[in-house]
Amino acid sequence: MSLPLAYLLLAIAIASEVIATTALSLSNGLTRTGPIVVSAIGYAVALGLLAVVMRVMPTGVVYAIWSGLGVVLIALVAWLWQGQRLDPPALIGMGLIVAGVLVVNLFSGAVSH
């Protein structure tokens, strides 16, 4: 598998995890069937794609990208569609997470493993 394809699959895994986590927050403590099903499918897709991506990229790099961007995207979804508040320290912290992901991808030799 090529590195560009691995990044595409990783992006899909991140999107699946964001959808799953958002659905989980809408499940009302696992009492609503629809969000539970969406969440389970989303997590299954995310983990399956992560396993595939880890065949060509180092585990630590994959997990850093997945978890870092996932946290930021989930926070943005919660802010935009669920009315959750993000204060300046939260925004700064998320900016630092994105900066860290960029540093790993742009400057680390570990990505081209």
PDB file of N, CA and C in Angstrom:
ATOM      1  N   MET A   1       0.845  -1.172   0.000  1.00  0.00           N
ATOM      2  CA  MET A   1       0.000   0.000   0.000  1.00  0.00           C
ATOM      3  C   MET A   1       0.893   1.237   0.000  1.00  0.00           C
ATOM      4  N   SER A   2       0.514   2.218  -0.769  1.00  0.00           N
ATOM      5  CA  SER A   2       1.298   3.446  -0.846  1.00  0.00           C
ATOM      6  C   SER A   2       1.021   4.333   0.373  1.00  0.00           C
ATOM      7  N   LEU A   3       1.951   5.226   0.659  1.00  0.00           N
ATOM      8  CA  LEU A   3       1.786   6.150   1.780  1.00  0.00           C
ATOM      9  C   LEU A   3       0.587   7.079   1.573  1.00  0.00           C
ATOM     10  N   PRO A   4       0.356   7.620   0.361  1.00  0.00           N
ATOM     11  CA  PRO A   4      -0.848   8.441   0.175  1.00  0.00           C
ATOM     12  C   PRO A   4      -2.146   7.680   0.464  1.00  0.00           C
ATOM     13  N   LEU A   5      -2.206   6.416   0.059  1.00  0.00           N
ATOM     14  CA  LEU A   5      -3.393   5.610   0.360  1.00  0.00           C
ATOM     15  C   LEU A   5      -3.522   5.394   1.865  1.00  0.00           C
ATOM     16  N   ALA A   6      -2.407   5.170   2.542  1.00  0.00           N
ATOM     17  CA  ALA A   6      -2.434   5.001   3.995  1.00  0.00           C
ATOM     18  C   ALA A   6      -2.989   6.252   4.668  1.00  0.00           C
ATOM     19  N   TYR A   7      -2.565   7.416   4.198  1.00  0.00           N
ATOM     20  CA  TYR A   7      -3.091   8.669   4.764  1.00  0.00           C
ATOM     21  C   TYR A   7      -4.587   8.824   4.490  1.00  0.00           C
ATOM     22  N   LEU A   8      -5.037   8.429   3.311  1.00  0.00           N
ATOM     23  CA  LEU A   8      -6.458   8.487   2.997  1.00  0.00           C
ATOM     24  C   LEU A   8      -7.251   7.585   3.934  1.00  0.00           C
ATOM     25  N   LEU A   9      -6.773   6.358   4.121  1.00  0.00           N
ATOM     26  CA  LEU A   9      -7.451   5.425   5.030  1.00  0.00           C
ATOM     27  C   LEU A   9      -7.418   5.931   6.460  1.00  0.00           C
ATOM     28  N   LEU A  10      -6.320   6.563   6.845  1.00  0.00           N
ATOM     29  CA  LEU A  10      -6.232   7.137   8.188  1.00  0.00           C
ATOM     30  C   LEU A  10      -7.244   8.271   8.343  1.00  0.00           C
ATOM     31  N   ALA A  11      -7.405   9.096   7.324  1.00  0.00           N
ATOM     32  CA  ALA A  11      -8.394  10.182   7.372  1.00  0.00           C
ATOM     33  C   ALA A  11      -9.811   9.622   7.513  1.00  0.00           C
ATOM     34  N   ILE A  12     -10.094   8.525   6.806  1.00  0.00           N
ATOM     35  CA  ILE A  12     -11.409   7.890   6.919  1.00  0.00           C
ATOM     36  C   ILE A  12     -11.584   7.308   8.324  1.00  0.00           C
ATOM     37  N   ALA A  13     -10.520   6.720   8.877  1.00  0.00           N
ATOM     38  CA  ALA A  13     -10.580   6.186  10.245  1.00  0.00           C
ATOM     39  C   ALA A  13     -10.871   7.297  11.247  1.00  0.00           C
ATOM     40  N   ILE A  14     -10.228   8.442  11.066  1.00  0.00           N
ATOM     41  CA  ILE A  14     -10.448   9.575  11.968  1.00  0.00           C
ATOM     42  C   ILE A  14     -11.890  10.056  11.848  1.00  0.00           C
ATOM     43  N   ALA A  15     -12.379  10.193  10.622  1.00  0.00           N
ATOM     44  CA  ALA A  15     -13.768  10.629  10.430  1.00  0.00           C
ATOM     45  C   ALA A  15     -14.743   9.634  11.057  1.00  0.00           C
ATOM     46  N   SER A  16     -14.470   8.339  10.908  1.00  0.00           N
ATOM     47  CA  SER A  16     -15.333   7.311  11.497  1.00  0.00           C
ATOM     48  C   SER A  16     -15.343   7.407  13.013  1.00  0.00           C
ATOM     49  N   GLU A  17     -14.186   7.653  13.588  1.00  0.00           N
ATOM     50  CA  GLU A  17     -14.098   7.775  15.045  1.00  0.00           C
ATOM     51  C   GLU A  17     -14.820   9.019  15.533  1.00  0.00           C
ATOM     52  N   VAL A  18     -14.733  10.105  14.803  1.00  0.00           N
ATOM     53  CA  VAL A  18     -15.430  11.341  15.182  1.00  0.00           C
ATOM     54  C   VAL A  18     -16.942  11.123  15.118  1.00  0.00           C
ATOM     55  N   ILE A  19     -17.405  10.473  14.071  1.00  0.00           N
ATOM     56  CA  ILE A  19     -18.832  10.161  13.955  1.00  0.00           C
ATOM     57  C   ILE A  19     -19.269   9.246  15.093  1.00  0.00           C
ATOM     58  N   ALA A  20     -18.474   8.226  15.385  1.00  0.00           N
ATOM     59  CA  ALA A  20     -18.811   7.275  16.450  1.00  0.00           C
ATOM     60  C   ALA A  20     -18.873   7.955  17.812  1.00  0.00           C
ATOM     61  N   THR A  21     -17.921   8.804  18.095  1.00  0.00           N
ATOM     62  CA  THR A  21     -17.895   9.480  19.392  1.00  0.00           C
ATOM     63  C   THR A  21     -19.039  10.481  19.513  1.00  0.00           C
ATOM     64  N   THR A  22     -19.342  11.163  18.426  1.00  0.00           N
ATOM     65  CA  THR A  22     -20.477  12.083  18.435  1.00  0.00           C
ATOM     66  C   THR A  22     -21.775  11.316  18.671  1.00  0.00           C
ATOM     67  N   ALA A  23     -21.929  10.182  18.002  1.00  0.00           N
ATOM     68  CA  ALA A  23     -23.118   9.356  18.212  1.00  0.00           C
ATOM     69  C   ALA A  23     -23.185   8.849  19.650  1.00  0.00           C
ATOM     70  N   LEU A  24     -22.036   8.488  20.200  1.00  0.00           N
ATOM     71  CA  LEU A  24     -22.001   8.018  21.585  1.00  0.00           C
ATOM     72  C   LEU A  24     -22.515   9.099  22.535  1.00  0.00           C
ATOM     73  N   SER A  25     -22.135  10.340  22.270  1.00  0.00           N
ATOM     74  CA  SER A  25     -22.599  11.430  23.133  1.00  0.00           C
ATOM     75  C   SER A  25     -24.101  11.665  22.981  1.00  0.00           C
ATOM     76  N   LEU A  26     -24.665  11.258  21.849  1.00  0.00           N
ATOM     77  CA  LEU A  26     -26.102  11.403  21.615  1.00  0.00           C
ATOM     78  C   LEU A  26     -26.906  10.181  22.061  1.00  0.00           C
ATOM     79  N   SER A  27     -26.223   9.163  22.569  1.00  0.00           N
ATOM     80  CA  SER A  27     -26.906   7.916  22.933  1.00  0.00           C
ATOM     81  C   SER A  27     -27.602   7.985  24.291  1.00  0.00           C
ATOM     82  N   ASN A  28     -27.426   9.098  24.988  1.00  0.00           N
ATOM     83  CA  ASN A  28     -28.067   9.280  26.299  1.00  0.00           C
ATOM     84  C   ASN A  28     -27.715   8.137  27.254  1.00  0.00           C
ATOM     85  N   GLY A  29     -26.410   7.936  27.422  1.00  0.00           N
ATOM     86  CA  GLY A  29     -25.956   6.887  28.338  1.00  0.00           C
ATOM     87  C   GLY A  29     -26.270   5.493  27.843  1.00  0.00           C
ATOM     88  N   LEU A  30     -26.129   5.292  26.538  1.00  0.00           N
ATOM     89  CA  LEU A  30     -26.406   4.002  25.886  1.00  0.00           C
ATOM     90  C   LEU A  30     -27.862   3.569  26.030  1.00  0.00           C
ATOM     91  N   THR A  31     -28.786   4.533  25.976  1.00  0.00           N
ATOM     92  CA  THR A  31     -30.214   4.211  26.071  1.00  0.00           C
ATOM     93  C   THR A  31     -30.950   4.423  24.750  1.00  0.00           C
ATOM     94  N   ARG A  32     -30.286   4.962  23.732  1.00  0.00           N
ATOM     95  CA  ARG A  32     -30.913   5.201  22.430  1.00  0.00           C
ATOM     96  C   ARG A  32     -30.251   4.302  21.389  1.00  0.00           C
ATOM     97  N   THR A  33     -31.042   3.429  20.795  1.00  0.00           N
ATOM     98  CA  THR A  33     -30.524   2.389  19.905  1.00  0.00           C
ATOM     99  C   THR A  33     -29.806   2.947  18.679  1.00  0.00           C
ATOM    100  N   GLY A  34     -30.391   3.919  18.004  1.00  0.00           N
ATOM    101  CA  GLY A  34     -29.795   4.456  16.778  1.00  0.00           C
ATOM    102  C   GLY A  34     -28.365   4.946  16.978  1.00  0.00           C
ATOM    103  N   PRO A  35     -28.153   5.845  17.927  1.00  0.00           N
ATOM    104  CA  PRO A  35     -26.782   6.306  18.155  1.00  0.00           C
ATOM    105  C   PRO A  35     -25.829   5.197  18.599  1.00  0.00           C
ATOM    106  N   ILE A  36     -26.338   4.212  19.339  1.00  0.00           N
ATOM    107  CA  ILE A  36     -25.487   3.097  19.760  1.00  0.00           C
ATOM    108  C   ILE A  36     -24.998   2.322  18.534  1.00  0.00           C
ATOM    109  N   VAL A  37     -25.892   2.055  17.592  1.00  0.00           N
ATOM    110  CA  VAL A  37     -25.528   1.312  16.379  1.00  0.00           C
ATOM    111  C   VAL A  37     -24.524   2.113  15.549  1.00  0.00           C
ATOM    112  N   VAL A  38     -24.787   3.411  15.372  1.00  0.00           N
ATOM    113  CA  VAL A  38     -23.862   4.267  14.613  1.00  0.00           C
ATOM    114  C   VAL A  38     -22.494   4.280  15.284  1.00  0.00           C
ATOM    115  N   SER A  39     -22.495   4.378  16.597  1.00  0.00           N
ATOM    116  CA  SER A  39     -21.244   4.403  17.342  1.00  0.00           C
ATOM    117  C   SER A  39     -20.465   3.093  17.170  1.00  0.00           C
ATOM    118  N   ALA A  40     -21.134   1.980  17.311  1.00  0.00           N
ATOM    119  CA  ALA A  40     -20.461   0.675  17.180  1.00  0.00           C
ATOM    120  C   ALA A  40     -19.882   0.489  15.779  1.00  0.00           C
ATOM    121  N   ILE A  41     -20.653   0.834  14.770  1.00  0.00           N
ATOM    122  CA  ILE A  41     -20.162   0.707  13.395  1.00  0.00           C
ATOM    123  C   ILE A  41     -18.989   1.657  13.158  1.00  0.00           C
ATOM    124  N   GLY A  42     -19.116   2.884  13.622  1.00  0.00           N
ATOM    125  CA  GLY A  42     -18.043   3.864  13.437  1.00  0.00           C
ATOM    126  C   GLY A  42     -16.744   3.435  14.082  1.00  0.00           C
ATOM    127  N   TYR A  43     -16.827   2.932  15.314  1.00  0.00           N
ATOM    128  CA  TYR A  43     -15.612   2.467  15.982  1.00  0.00           C
ATOM    129  C   TYR A  43     -15.027   1.242  15.291  1.00  0.00           C
ATOM    130  N   ALA A  44     -15.877   0.338  14.821  1.00  0.00           N
ATOM    131  CA  ALA A  44     -15.382  -0.853  14.119  1.00  0.00           C
ATOM    132  C   ALA A  44     -14.650  -0.463  12.836  1.00  0.00           C
ATOM    133  N   VAL A  45     -15.224   0.463  12.078  1.00  0.00           N
ATOM    134  CA  VAL A  45     -14.576   0.932  10.852  1.00  0.00           C
ATOM    135  C   VAL A  45     -13.247   1.604  11.189  1.00  0.00           C
ATOM    136  N   ALA A  46     -13.257   2.472  12.196  1.00  0.00           N
ATOM    137  CA  ALA A  46     -12.036   3.194  12.573  1.00  0.00           C
ATOM    138  C   ALA A  46     -10.927   2.232  12.975  1.00  0.00           C
ATOM    139  N   LEU A  47     -11.239   1.274  13.829  1.00  0.00           N
ATOM    140  CA  LEU A  47     -10.203   0.348  14.298  1.00  0.00           C
ATOM    141  C   LEU A  47      -9.728  -0.577  13.181  1.00  0.00           C
ATOM    142  N   GLY A  48     -10.651  -0.999  12.322  1.00  0.00           N
ATOM    143  CA  GLY A  48     -10.245  -1.837  11.196  1.00  0.00           C
ATOM    144  C   GLY A  48      -9.296  -1.100  10.262  1.00  0.00           C
ATOM    145  N   LEU A  49      -9.609   0.154   9.959  1.00  0.00           N
ATOM    146  CA  LEU A  49      -8.736   0.931   9.084  1.00  0.00           C
ATOM    147  C   LEU A  49      -7.397   1.235   9.758  1.00  0.00           C
ATOM    148  N   LEU A  50      -7.421   1.480  11.060  1.00  0.00           N
ATOM    149  CA  LEU A  50      -6.154   1.700  11.777  1.00  0.00           C
ATOM    150  C   LEU A  50      -5.251   0.485  11.648  1.00  0.00           C
ATOM    151  N   ALA A  51      -5.815  -0.684  11.778  1.00  0.00           N
ATOM    152  CA  ALA A  51      -5.019  -1.907  11.667  1.00  0.00           C
ATOM    153  C   ALA A  51      -4.375  -2.020  10.287  1.00  0.00           C
ATOM    154  N   VAL A  52      -5.102  -1.635   9.251  1.00  0.00           N
ATOM    155  CA  VAL A  52      -4.574  -1.690   7.889  1.00  0.00           C
ATOM    156  C   VAL A  52      -3.455  -0.663   7.717  1.00  0.00           C
ATOM    157  N   VAL A  53      -3.689   0.552   8.202  1.00  0.00           N
ATOM    158  CA  VAL A  53      -2.694   1.623   8.070  1.00  0.00           C
ATOM    159  C   VAL A  53      -1.403   1.266   8.807  1.00  0.00           C
ATOM    160  N   MET A  54      -1.527   0.585   9.942  1.00  0.00           N
ATOM    161  CA  MET A  54      -0.342   0.235  10.730  1.00  0.00           C
ATOM    162  C   MET A  54       0.547  -0.795  10.051  1.00  0.00           C
ATOM    163  N   ARG A  55       0.084  -1.359   8.949  1.00  0.00           N
ATOM    164  CA  ARG A  55       0.955  -2.260   8.175  1.00  0.00           C
ATOM    165  C   ARG A  55       2.044  -1.481   7.451  1.00  0.00           C
ATOM    166  N   VAL A  56       1.800  -0.192   7.166  1.00  0.00           N
ATOM    167  CA  VAL A  56       2.776   0.590   6.400  1.00  0.00           C
ATOM    168  C   VAL A  56       3.296   1.820   7.143  1.00  0.00           C
ATOM    169  N   MET A  57       2.685   2.167   8.252  1.00  0.00           N
ATOM    170  CA  MET A  57       3.141   3.316   9.043  1.00  0.00           C
ATOM    171  C   MET A  57       3.374   2.864  10.477  1.00  0.00           C
ATOM    172  N   PRO A  58       4.324   3.479  11.175  1.00  0.00           N
ATOM    173  CA  PRO A  58       4.603   3.099  12.552  1.00  0.00           C
ATOM    174  C   PRO A  58       3.405   3.354  13.472  1.00  0.00           C
ATOM    175  N   THR A  59       3.188   2.449  14.393  1.00  0.00           N
ATOM    176  CA  THR A  59       2.058   2.523  15.310  1.00  0.00           C
ATOM    177  C   THR A  59       2.006   3.848  16.060  1.00  0.00           C
ATOM    178  N   GLY A  60       3.128   4.287  16.585  1.00  0.00           N
ATOM    179  CA  GLY A  60       3.146   5.532  17.361  1.00  0.00           C
ATOM    180  C   GLY A  60       2.737   6.733  16.541  1.00  0.00           C
ATOM    181  N   VAL A  61       3.180   6.784  15.306  1.00  0.00           N
ATOM    182  CA  VAL A  61       2.827   7.901  14.419  1.00  0.00           C
ATOM    183  C   VAL A  61       1.342   7.843  14.071  1.00  0.00           C
ATOM    184  N   VAL A  62       0.859   6.665  13.715  1.00  0.00           N
ATOM    185  CA  VAL A  62      -0.559   6.505  13.370  1.00  0.00           C
ATOM    186  C   VAL A  62      -1.429   6.916  14.546  1.00  0.00           C
ATOM    187  N   TYR A  63      -1.083   6.442  15.725  1.00  0.00           N
ATOM    188  CA  TYR A  63      -1.908   6.737  16.894  1.00  0.00           C
ATOM    189  C   TYR A  63      -1.840   8.221  17.256  1.00  0.00           C
ATOM    190  N   ALA A  64      -0.681   8.832  17.122  1.00  0.00           N
ATOM    191  CA  ALA A  64      -0.554  10.264  17.419  1.00  0.00           C
ATOM    192  C   ALA A  64      -1.441  11.087  16.488  1.00  0.00           C
ATOM    193  N   ILE A  65      -1.433  10.753  15.212  1.00  0.00           N
ATOM    194  CA  ILE A  65      -2.266  11.481  14.253  1.00  0.00           C
ATOM    195  C   ILE A  65      -3.738  11.228  14.529  1.00  0.00           C
ATOM    196  N   TRP A  66      -4.100   9.948  14.700  1.00  0.00           N
ATOM    197  CA  TRP A  66      -5.498   9.575  14.914  1.00  0.00           C
ATOM    198  C   TRP A  66      -6.060  10.209  16.179  1.00  0.00           C
ATOM    199  N   SER A  67      -5.362  10.064  17.269  1.00  0.00           N
ATOM    200  CA  SER A  67      -5.889  10.589  18.524  1.00  0.00           C
ATOM    201  C   SER A  67      -5.850  12.113  18.560  1.00  0.00           C
ATOM    202  N   GLY A  68      -4.768  12.706  18.060  1.00  0.00           N
ATOM    203  CA  GLY A  68      -4.651  14.161  18.090  1.00  0.00           C
ATOM    204  C   GLY A  68      -5.714  14.851  17.252  1.00  0.00           C
ATOM    205  N   LEU A  69      -5.828  14.445  16.011  1.00  0.00           N
ATOM    206  CA  LEU A  69      -6.825  15.077  15.146  1.00  0.00           C
ATOM    207  C   LEU A  69      -8.240  14.698  15.568  1.00  0.00           C
ATOM    208  N   GLY A  70      -8.400  13.483  16.081  1.00  0.00           N
ATOM    209  CA  GLY A  70      -9.718  13.073  16.572  1.00  0.00           C
ATOM    210  C   GLY A  70     -10.201  13.955  17.703  1.00  0.00           C
ATOM    211  N   VAL A  71      -9.329  14.243  18.658  1.00  0.00           N
ATOM    212  CA  VAL A  71      -9.691  15.107  19.788  1.00  0.00           C
ATOM    213  C   VAL A  71     -10.123  16.486  19.296  1.00  0.00           C
ATOM    214  N   VAL A  72      -9.340  17.054  18.407  1.00  0.00           N
ATOM    215  CA  VAL A  72      -9.645  18.391  17.895  1.00  0.00           C
ATOM    216  C   VAL A  72     -10.964  18.385  17.126  1.00  0.00           C
ATOM    217  N   LEU A  73     -11.145  17.411  16.243  1.00  0.00           N
ATOM    218  CA  LEU A  73     -12.367  17.372  15.439  1.00  0.00           C
ATOM    219  C   LEU A  73     -13.611  17.109  16.284  1.00  0.00           C
ATOM    220  N   ILE A  74     -13.498  16.227  17.269  1.00  0.00           N
ATOM    221  CA  ILE A  74     -14.641  15.965  18.154  1.00  0.00           C
ATOM    222  C   ILE A  74     -15.002  17.229  18.932  1.00  0.00           C
ATOM    223  N   ALA A  75     -14.010  17.944  19.424  1.00  0.00           N
ATOM    224  CA  ALA A  75     -14.276  19.192  20.145  1.00  0.00           C
ATOM    225  C   ALA A  75     -14.944  20.213  19.231  1.00  0.00           C
ATOM    226  N   LEU A  76     -14.493  20.294  17.973  1.00  0.00           N
ATOM    227  CA  LEU A  76     -15.105  21.234  17.028  1.00  0.00           C
ATOM    228  C   LEU A  76     -16.545  20.850  16.697  1.00  0.00           C
ATOM    229  N   VAL A  77     -16.804  19.565  16.514  1.00  0.00           N
ATOM    230  CA  VAL A  77     -18.176  19.100  16.258  1.00  0.00           C
ATOM    231  C   VAL A  77     -19.069  19.432  17.445  1.00  0.00           C
ATOM    232  N   ALA A  78     -18.587  19.167  18.648  1.00  0.00           N
ATOM    233  CA  ALA A  78     -19.370  19.458  19.853  1.00  0.00           C
ATOM    234  C   ALA A  78     -19.636  20.961  19.979  1.00  0.00           C
ATOM    235  N   TRP A  79     -18.675  21.772  19.597  1.00  0.00           N
ATOM    236  CA  TRP A  79     -18.834  23.221  19.651  1.00  0.00           C
ATOM    237  C   TRP A  79     -19.835  23.710  18.596  1.00  0.00           C
ATOM    238  N   LEU A  80     -19.672  23.225  17.359  1.00  0.00           N
ATOM    239  CA  LEU A  80     -20.515  23.716  16.269  1.00  0.00           C
ATOM    240  C   LEU A  80     -21.945  23.185  16.307  1.00  0.00           C
ATOM    241  N   TRP A  81     -22.121  21.905  16.657  1.00  0.00           N
ATOM    242  CA  TRP A  81     -23.452  21.307  16.551  1.00  0.00           C
ATOM    243  C   TRP A  81     -24.108  20.966  17.875  1.00  0.00           C
ATOM    244  N   GLN A  82     -23.342  20.976  18.963  1.00  0.00           N
ATOM    245  CA  GLN A  82     -23.944  20.635  20.242  1.00  0.00           C
ATOM    246  C   GLN A  82     -23.868  21.784  21.241  1.00  0.00           C
ATOM    247  N   GLY A  83     -23.365  22.924  20.789  1.00  0.00           N
ATOM    248  CA  GLY A  83     -23.348  24.110  21.631  1.00  0.00           C
ATOM    249  C   GLY A  83     -22.373  24.069  22.798  1.00  0.00           C
ATOM    250  N   GLN A  84     -21.413  23.167  22.765  1.00  0.00           N
ATOM    251  CA  GLN A  84     -20.445  23.119  23.856  1.00  0.00           C
ATOM    252  C   GLN A  84     -19.461  24.272  23.722  1.00  0.00           C
ATOM    253  N   ARG A  85     -19.059  24.799  24.842  1.00  0.00           N
ATOM    254  CA  ARG A  85     -18.205  25.980  24.877  1.00  0.00           C
ATOM    255  C   ARG A  85     -16.731  25.588  24.798  1.00  0.00           C
ATOM    256  N   LEU A  86     -15.976  26.341  24.012  1.00  0.00           N
ATOM    257  CA  LEU A  86     -14.520  26.186  23.958  1.00  0.00           C
ATOM    258  C   LEU A  86     -13.907  27.523  24.355  1.00  0.00           C
ATOM    259  N   ASP A  87     -13.225  27.536  25.477  1.00  0.00           N
ATOM    260  CA  ASP A  87     -12.600  28.775  25.939  1.00  0.00           C
ATOM    261  C   ASP A  87     -11.204  28.917  25.333  1.00  0.00           C
ATOM    262  N   PRO A  88     -10.572  30.085  25.493  1.00  0.00           N
ATOM    263  CA  PRO A  88      -9.247  30.294  24.885  1.00  0.00           C
ATOM    264  C   PRO A  88      -8.206  29.234  25.241  1.00  0.00           C
ATOM    265  N   PRO A  89      -8.105  28.780  26.509  1.00  0.00           N
ATOM    266  CA  PRO A  89      -7.116  27.726  26.781  1.00  0.00           C
ATOM    267  C   PRO A  89      -7.401  26.431  26.004  1.00  0.00           C
ATOM    268  N   ALA A  90      -8.674  26.084  25.829  1.00  0.00           N
ATOM    269  CA  ALA A  90      -9.011  24.885  25.053  1.00  0.00           C
ATOM    270  C   ALA A  90      -8.590  25.067  23.601  1.00  0.00           C
ATOM    271  N   LEU A  91      -8.857  26.238  23.047  1.00  0.00           N
ATOM    272  CA  LEU A  91      -8.484  26.507  21.660  1.00  0.00           C
ATOM    273  C   LEU A  91      -6.968  26.501  21.480  1.00  0.00           C
ATOM    274  N   ILE A  92      -6.256  27.065  22.439  1.00  0.00           N
ATOM    275  CA  ILE A  92      -4.782  27.060  22.376  1.00  0.00           C
ATOM    276  C   ILE A  92      -4.257  25.631  22.448  1.00  0.00           C
ATOM    277  N   GLY A  93      -4.806  24.855  23.368  1.00  0.00           N
ATOM    278  CA  GLY A  93      -4.384  23.458  23.500  1.00  0.00           C
ATOM    279  C   GLY A  93      -4.622  22.670  22.230  1.00  0.00           C
ATOM    280  N   MET A  94      -5.782  22.872  21.608  1.00  0.00           N
ATOM    281  CA  MET A  94      -6.063  22.167  20.357  1.00  0.00           C
ATOM    282  C   MET A  94      -5.131  22.632  19.243  1.00  0.00           C
ATOM    283  N   GLY A  95      -4.788  23.908  19.253  1.00  0.00           N
ATOM    284  CA  GLY A  95      -3.814  24.407  18.283  1.00  0.00           C
ATOM    285  C   GLY A  95      -2.468  23.735  18.458  1.00  0.00           C
ATOM    286  N   LEU A  96      -2.071  23.516  19.710  1.00  0.00           N
ATOM    287  CA  LEU A  96      -0.812  22.829  19.989  1.00  0.00           C
ATOM    288  C   LEU A  96      -0.856  21.366  19.528  1.00  0.00           C
ATOM    289  N   ILE A  97      -2.015  20.732  19.680  1.00  0.00           N
ATOM    290  CA  ILE A  97      -2.163  19.357  19.210  1.00  0.00           C
ATOM    291  C   ILE A  97      -1.979  19.304  17.696  1.00  0.00           C
ATOM    292  N   VAL A  98      -2.642  20.206  16.987  1.00  0.00           N
ATOM    293  CA  VAL A  98      -2.514  20.245  15.531  1.00  0.00           C
ATOM    294  C   VAL A  98      -1.064  20.531  15.139  1.00  0.00           C
ATOM    295  N   ALA A  99      -0.415  21.443  15.862  1.00  0.00           N
ATOM    296  CA  ALA A  99       0.994  21.742  15.577  1.00  0.00           C
ATOM    297  C   ALA A  99       1.851  20.496  15.770  1.00  0.00           C
ATOM    298  N   GLY A 100       1.577  19.734  16.810  1.00  0.00           N
ATOM    299  CA  GLY A 100       2.323  18.503  17.048  1.00  0.00           C
ATOM    300  C   GLY A 100       2.137  17.492  15.933  1.00  0.00           C
ATOM    301  N   VAL A 101       0.908  17.337  15.466  1.00  0.00           N
ATOM    302  CA  VAL A 101       0.642  16.419  14.353  1.00  0.00           C
ATOM    303  C   VAL A 101       1.397  16.876  13.108  1.00  0.00           C
ATOM    304  N   LEU A 102       1.402  18.192  12.856  1.00  0.00           N
ATOM    305  CA  LEU A 102       2.136  18.715  11.699  1.00  0.00           C
ATOM    306  C   LEU A 102       3.634  18.465  11.823  1.00  0.00           C
ATOM    307  N   VAL A 103       4.190  18.661  13.009  1.00  0.00           N
ATOM    308  CA  VAL A 103       5.618  18.421  13.212  1.00  0.00           C
ATOM    309  C   VAL A 103       5.954  16.962  12.932  1.00  0.00           C
ATOM    310  N   VAL A 104       5.138  16.049  13.448  1.00  0.00           N
ATOM    311  CA  VAL A 104       5.393  14.634  13.215  1.00  0.00           C
ATOM    312  C   VAL A 104       5.368  14.322  11.724  1.00  0.00           C
ATOM    313  N   ASN A 105       4.370  14.860  11.025  1.00  0.00           N
ATOM    314  CA  ASN A 105       4.208  14.541   9.602  1.00  0.00           C
ATOM    315  C   ASN A 105       5.208  15.236   8.696  1.00  0.00           C
ATOM    316  N   LEU A 106       5.587  16.444   9.026  1.00  0.00           N
ATOM    317  CA  LEU A 106       6.456  17.207   8.134  1.00  0.00           C
ATOM    318  C   LEU A 106       7.940  17.003   8.408  1.00  0.00           C
ATOM    319  N   PHE A 107       8.310  16.719   9.659  1.00  0.00           N
ATOM    320  CA  PHE A 107       9.711  16.713  10.016  1.00  0.00           C
ATOM    321  C   PHE A 107      10.240  15.380  10.534  1.00  0.00           C
ATOM    322  N   SER A 108       9.365  14.453  10.842  1.00  0.00           N
ATOM    323  CA  SER A 108       9.836  13.175  11.394  1.00  0.00           C
ATOM    324  C   SER A 108      10.124  12.187  10.268  1.00  0.00           C
ATOM    325  N   GLY A 109      11.256  11.531  10.357  1.00  0.00           N
ATOM    326  CA  GLY A 109      11.583  10.483   9.408  1.00  0.00           C
ATOM    327  C   GLY A 109      10.810   9.199   9.685  1.00  0.00           C
ATOM    328  N   ALA A 110      10.137   9.126  10.835  1.00  0.00           N
ATOM    329  CA  ALA A 110       9.409   7.919  11.207  1.00  0.00           C
ATOM    330  C   ALA A 110       8.203   7.687  10.298  1.00  0.00           C
ATOM    331  N   VAL A 111       7.657   8.744   9.710  1.00  0.00           N
ATOM    332  CA  VAL A 111       6.452   8.584   8.896  1.00  0.00           C
ATOM    333  C   VAL A 111       6.737   7.803   7.620  1.00  0.00           C
ATOM    334  N   SER A 112       7.885   7.996   7.027  1.00  0.00           N
ATOM    335  CA  SER A 112       8.187   7.322   5.770  1.00  0.00           C
ATOM    336  C   SER A 112       8.718   5.909   5.960  1.00  0.00           C
ATOM    337  N   HIS A 113       8.499   5.355   7.121  1.00  0.00           N
ATOM    338  CA  HIS A 113       8.925   4.007   7.536  1.00  0.00           C
ATOM    339  C   HIS A 113       8.873   2.997   6.445  1.00  0.00           C
TER     340      HIS A 113
END
